[in-house]
Amino acid sequence: MYTALVIVVIVVITMGVPAVVWLTKLIRPPKPKEERIHRGVEEARKRINRYFRY
């Protein structure tokens, strides 16, 4: 019984967090400054991934 509860909690958390982030973006679109930050992080990840391909 306890195992089922733990599994349900993990599933709810893994599905719930992205859903909350998605709904927040729908309700309040990101500001231009936030967009630039996210774009910069995305570009940095691409650069890092280019060097660490296996």
PDB file of N, CA and C in Angstrom:
ATOM      1  N   MET A   1       0.829  -1.201   0.000  1.00  0.00           N
ATOM      2  CA  MET A   1       0.000   0.000   0.000  1.00  0.00           C
ATOM      3  C   MET A   1       0.867   1.257   0.000  1.00  0.00           C
ATOM      4  N   TYR A   2       1.900   1.232   0.849  1.00  0.00           N
ATOM      5  CA  TYR A   2       2.802   2.378   0.941  1.00  0.00           C
ATOM      6  C   TYR A   2       3.530   2.590  -0.386  1.00  0.00           C
ATOM      7  N   THR A   3       3.905   1.490  -1.047  1.00  0.00           N
ATOM      8  CA  THR A   3       4.611   1.585  -2.326  1.00  0.00           C
ATOM      9  C   THR A   3       3.734   2.263  -3.376  1.00  0.00           C
ATOM     10  N   ALA A   4       2.469   1.904  -3.406  1.00  0.00           N
ATOM     11  CA  ALA A   4       1.551   2.518  -4.372  1.00  0.00           C
ATOM     12  C   ALA A   4       1.426   4.016  -4.123  1.00  0.00           C
ATOM     13  N   LEU A   5       1.378   4.405  -2.873  1.00  0.00           N
ATOM     14  CA  LEU A   5       1.287   5.825  -2.529  1.00  0.00           C
ATOM     15  C   LEU A   5       2.524   6.583  -3.007  1.00  0.00           C
ATOM     16  N   VAL A   6       3.689   6.000  -2.795  1.00  0.00           N
ATOM     17  CA  VAL A   6       4.937   6.632  -3.233  1.00  0.00           C
ATOM     18  C   VAL A   6       4.951   6.768  -4.751  1.00  0.00           C
ATOM     19  N   ILE A   7       4.535   5.734  -5.457  1.00  0.00           N
ATOM     20  CA  ILE A   7       4.511   5.780  -6.923  1.00  0.00           C
ATOM     21  C   ILE A   7       3.547   6.856  -7.410  1.00  0.00           C
ATOM     22  N   VAL A   8       2.380   6.950  -6.808  1.00  0.00           N
ATOM     23  CA  VAL A   8       1.401   7.972  -7.194  1.00  0.00           C
ATOM     24  C   VAL A   8       1.958   9.365  -6.948  1.00  0.00           C
ATOM     25  N   VAL A   9       2.613   9.572  -5.821  1.00  0.00           N
ATOM     26  CA  VAL A   9       3.192  10.887  -5.508  1.00  0.00           C
ATOM     27  C   VAL A   9       4.257  11.251  -6.535  1.00  0.00           C
ATOM     28  N   ILE A  10       5.106  10.305  -6.898  1.00  0.00           N
ATOM     29  CA  ILE A  10       6.163  10.574  -7.886  1.00  0.00           C
ATOM     30  C   ILE A  10       5.551  10.927  -9.240  1.00  0.00           C
ATOM     31  N   VAL A  11       4.530  10.191  -9.655  1.00  0.00           N
ATOM     32  CA  VAL A  11       3.882  10.465 -10.947  1.00  0.00           C
ATOM     33  C   VAL A  11       3.215  11.839 -10.934  1.00  0.00           C
ATOM     34  N   VAL A  12       2.537  12.167  -9.853  1.00  0.00           N
ATOM     35  CA  VAL A  12       1.866  13.469  -9.755  1.00  0.00           C
ATOM     36  C   VAL A  12       2.887  14.597  -9.811  1.00  0.00           C
ATOM     37  N   ILE A  13       4.002  14.439  -9.133  1.00  0.00           N
ATOM     38  CA  ILE A  13       5.032  15.486  -9.141  1.00  0.00           C
ATOM     39  C   ILE A  13       5.636  15.623 -10.536  1.00  0.00           C
ATOM     40  N   THR A  14       5.973  14.495 -11.178  1.00  0.00           N
ATOM     41  CA  THR A  14       6.613  14.582 -12.494  1.00  0.00           C
ATOM     42  C   THR A  14       5.670  15.121 -13.561  1.00  0.00           C
ATOM     43  N   MET A  15       4.387  14.881 -13.427  1.00  0.00           N
ATOM     44  CA  MET A  15       3.424  15.424 -14.388  1.00  0.00           C
ATOM     45  C   MET A  15       2.975  16.828 -13.989  1.00  0.00           C
ATOM     46  N   GLY A  16       2.932  17.092 -12.713  1.00  0.00           N
ATOM     47  CA  GLY A  16       2.396  18.357 -12.217  1.00  0.00           C
ATOM     48  C   GLY A  16       3.304  19.545 -12.428  1.00  0.00           C
ATOM     49  N   VAL A  17       4.598  19.363 -12.228  1.00  0.00           N
ATOM     50  CA  VAL A  17       5.526  20.495 -12.343  1.00  0.00           C
ATOM     51  C   VAL A  17       5.541  21.052 -13.766  1.00  0.00           C
ATOM     52  N   PRO A  18       5.729  20.231 -14.806  1.00  0.00           N
ATOM     53  CA  PRO A  18       5.675  20.790 -16.165  1.00  0.00           C
ATOM     54  C   PRO A  18       4.318  21.418 -16.501  1.00  0.00           C
ATOM     55  N   ALA A  19       3.242  20.838 -15.984  1.00  0.00           N
ATOM     56  CA  ALA A  19       1.913  21.396 -16.248  1.00  0.00           C
ATOM     57  C   ALA A  19       1.775  22.782 -15.634  1.00  0.00           C
ATOM     58  N   VAL A  20       2.278  22.962 -14.430  1.00  0.00           N
ATOM     59  CA  VAL A  20       2.206  24.275 -13.772  1.00  0.00           C
ATOM     60  C   VAL A  20       3.040  25.290 -14.542  1.00  0.00           C
ATOM     61  N   VAL A  21       4.232  24.892 -14.978  1.00  0.00           N
ATOM     62  CA  VAL A  21       5.087  25.804 -15.751  1.00  0.00           C
ATOM     63  C   VAL A  21       4.388  26.193 -17.050  1.00  0.00           C
ATOM     64  N   TRP A  22       3.794  25.229 -17.734  1.00  0.00           N
ATOM     65  CA  TRP A  22       3.105  25.496 -18.991  1.00  0.00           C
ATOM     66  C   TRP A  22       1.916  26.431 -18.783  1.00  0.00           C
ATOM     67  N   LEU A  23       1.115  26.166 -17.756  1.00  0.00           N
ATOM     68  CA  LEU A  23      -0.040  27.023 -17.477  1.00  0.00           C
ATOM     69  C   LEU A  23       0.389  28.434 -17.094  1.00  0.00           C
ATOM     70  N   THR A  24       1.481  28.550 -16.350  1.00  0.00           N
ATOM     71  CA  THR A  24       1.980  29.866 -15.963  1.00  0.00           C
ATOM     72  C   THR A  24       2.379  30.668 -17.199  1.00  0.00           C
ATOM     73  N   LYS A  25       3.017  30.007 -18.168  1.00  0.00           N
ATOM     74  CA  LYS A  25       3.398  30.705 -19.399  1.00  0.00           C
ATOM     75  C   LYS A  25       2.167  31.140 -20.182  1.00  0.00           C
ATOM     76  N   LEU A  26       1.108  30.325 -20.144  1.00  0.00           N
ATOM     77  CA  LEU A  26      -0.110  30.701 -20.859  1.00  0.00           C
ATOM     78  C   LEU A  26      -0.786  31.897 -20.203  1.00  0.00           C
ATOM     79  N   ILE A  27      -0.810  31.899 -18.879  1.00  0.00           N
ATOM     80  CA  ILE A  27      -1.491  32.967 -18.155  1.00  0.00           C
ATOM     81  C   ILE A  27      -0.686  34.261 -18.207  1.00  0.00           C
ATOM     82  N   ARG A  28       0.618  34.167 -17.943  1.00  0.00           N
ATOM     83  CA  ARG A  28       1.476  35.349 -17.920  1.00  0.00           C
ATOM     84  C   ARG A  28       2.655  35.100 -18.853  1.00  0.00           C
ATOM     85  N   PRO A  29       2.566  35.597 -20.085  1.00  0.00           N
ATOM     86  CA  PRO A  29       3.676  35.392 -21.018  1.00  0.00           C
ATOM     87  C   PRO A  29       4.970  35.987 -20.462  1.00  0.00           C
ATOM     88  N   PRO A  30       6.109  35.351 -20.757  1.00  0.00           N
ATOM     89  CA  PRO A  30       7.379  35.848 -20.234  1.00  0.00           C
ATOM     90  C   PRO A  30       7.712  37.242 -20.766  1.00  0.00           C
ATOM     91  N   LYS A  31       8.376  38.009 -19.936  1.00  0.00           N
ATOM     92  CA  LYS A  31       8.798  39.353 -20.332  1.00  0.00           C
ATOM     93  C   LYS A  31       9.972  39.234 -21.305  1.00  0.00           C
ATOM     94  N   PRO A  32      10.222  40.273 -22.101  1.00  0.00           N
ATOM     95  CA  PRO A  32      11.333  40.211 -23.062  1.00  0.00           C
ATOM     96  C   PRO A  32      12.669  39.886 -22.395  1.00  0.00           C
ATOM     97  N   LYS A  33      12.904  40.436 -21.200  1.00  0.00           N
ATOM     98  CA  LYS A  33      14.166  40.160 -20.508  1.00  0.00           C
ATOM     99  C   LYS A  33      14.276  38.675 -20.169  1.00  0.00           C
ATOM    100  N   GLU A  34      13.170  38.080 -19.712  1.00  0.00           N
ATOM    101  CA  GLU A  34      13.172  36.648 -19.398  1.00  0.00           C
ATOM    102  C   GLU A  34      13.409  35.821 -20.658  1.00  0.00           C
ATOM    103  N   GLU A  35      12.815  36.245 -21.767  1.00  0.00           N
ATOM    104  CA  GLU A  35      13.003  35.536 -23.034  1.00  0.00           C
ATOM    105  C   GLU A  35      14.475  35.543 -23.435  1.00  0.00           C
ATOM    106  N   ARG A  36      15.135  36.696 -23.292  1.00  0.00           N
ATOM    107  CA  ARG A  36      16.554  36.786 -23.640  1.00  0.00           C
ATOM    108  C   ARG A  36      17.383  35.858 -22.768  1.00  0.00           C
ATOM    109  N   ILE A  37      17.058  35.798 -21.485  1.00  0.00           N
ATOM    110  CA  ILE A  37      17.797  34.920 -20.570  1.00  0.00           C
ATOM    111  C   ILE A  37      17.632  33.468 -21.011  1.00  0.00           C
ATOM    112  N   HIS A  38      16.401  33.054 -21.302  1.00  0.00           N
ATOM    113  CA  HIS A  38      16.155  31.670 -21.702  1.00  0.00           C
ATOM    114  C   HIS A  38      16.840  31.357 -23.025  1.00  0.00           C
ATOM    115  N   ARG A  39      16.830  32.319 -23.944  1.00  0.00           N
ATOM    116  CA  ARG A  39      17.493  32.111 -25.228  1.00  0.00           C
ATOM    117  C   ARG A  39      18.994  31.946 -25.025  1.00  0.00           C
ATOM    118  N   GLY A  40      19.569  32.760 -24.118  1.00  0.00           N
ATOM    119  CA  GLY A  40      21.000  32.649 -23.830  1.00  0.00           C
ATOM    120  C   GLY A  40      21.351  31.309 -23.221  1.00  0.00           C
ATOM    121  N   VAL A  41      20.523  30.832 -22.318  1.00  0.00           N
ATOM    122  CA  VAL A  41      20.760  29.522 -21.700  1.00  0.00           C
ATOM    123  C   VAL A  41      20.672  28.428 -22.757  1.00  0.00           C
ATOM    124  N   GLU A  42      19.712  28.545 -23.649  1.00  0.00           N
ATOM    125  CA  GLU A  42      19.540  27.549 -24.703  1.00  0.00           C
ATOM    126  C   GLU A  42      20.760  27.517 -25.621  1.00  0.00           C
ATOM    127  N   GLU A  43      21.267  28.694 -25.992  1.00  0.00           N
ATOM    128  CA  GLU A  43      22.449  28.755 -26.852  1.00  0.00           C
ATOM    129  C   GLU A  43      23.666  28.179 -26.147  1.00  0.00           C
ATOM    130  N   ALA A  44      23.807  28.458 -24.857  1.00  0.00           N
ATOM    131  CA  ALA A  44      24.931  27.915 -24.092  1.00  0.00           C
ATOM    132  C   ALA A  44      24.853  26.388 -24.039  1.00  0.00           C
ATOM    133  N   ARG A  45      23.658  25.857 -23.857  1.00  0.00           N
ATOM    134  CA  ARG A  45      23.501  24.389 -23.829  1.00  0.00           C
ATOM    135  C   ARG A  45      23.903  23.779 -25.162  1.00  0.00           C
ATOM    136  N   LYS A  46      23.522  24.433 -26.266  1.00  0.00           N
ATOM    137  CA  LYS A  46      23.883  23.915 -27.588  1.00  0.00           C
ATOM    138  C   LYS A  46      25.397  23.902 -27.761  1.00  0.00           C
ATOM    139  N   ARG A  47      26.057  24.994 -27.315  1.00  0.00           N
ATOM    140  CA  ARG A  47      27.517  25.048 -27.426  1.00  0.00           C
ATOM    141  C   ARG A  47      28.171  23.947 -26.602  1.00  0.00           C
ATOM    142  N   ILE A  48      27.679  23.746 -25.385  1.00  0.00           N
ATOM    143  CA  ILE A  48      28.249  22.713 -24.513  1.00  0.00           C
ATOM    144  C   ILE A  48      28.017  21.333 -25.115  1.00  0.00           C
ATOM    145  N   ASN A  49      26.822  21.085 -25.623  1.00  0.00           N
ATOM    146  CA  ASN A  49      26.513  19.777 -26.204  1.00  0.00           C
ATOM    147  C   ASN A  49      27.371  19.485 -27.427  1.00  0.00           C
ATOM    148  N   ARG A  50      27.741  20.522 -28.160  1.00  0.00           N
ATOM    149  CA  ARG A  50      28.575  20.327 -29.338  1.00  0.00           C
ATOM    150  C   ARG A  50      29.942  19.767 -28.940  1.00  0.00           C
ATOM    151  N   TYR A  51      30.466  20.175 -27.787  1.00  0.00           N
ATOM    152  CA  TYR A  51      31.782  19.727 -27.349  1.00  0.00           C
ATOM    153  C   TYR A  51      31.747  18.377 -26.641  1.00  0.00           C
ATOM    154  N   PHE A  52      30.607  17.979 -26.135  1.00  0.00           N
ATOM    155  CA  PHE A  52      30.539  16.752 -25.342  1.00  0.00           C
ATOM    156  C   PHE A  52      29.704  15.667 -26.010  1.00  0.00           C
ATOM    157  N   ARG A  53      29.741  15.608 -27.330  1.00  0.00           N
ATOM    158  CA  ARG A  53      29.042  14.519 -28.027  1.00  0.00           C
ATOM    159  C   ARG A  53      29.843  13.240 -27.868  1.00  0.00           C
ATOM    160  N   TYR A  54      29.129  12.133 -27.783  1.00  0.00           N
ATOM    161  CA  TYR A  54      29.814  10.840 -27.611  1.00  0.00           C
ATOM    162  C   TYR A  54      29.698  10.012 -28.861  1.00  0.00           C
TER     163      TYR A  54
END
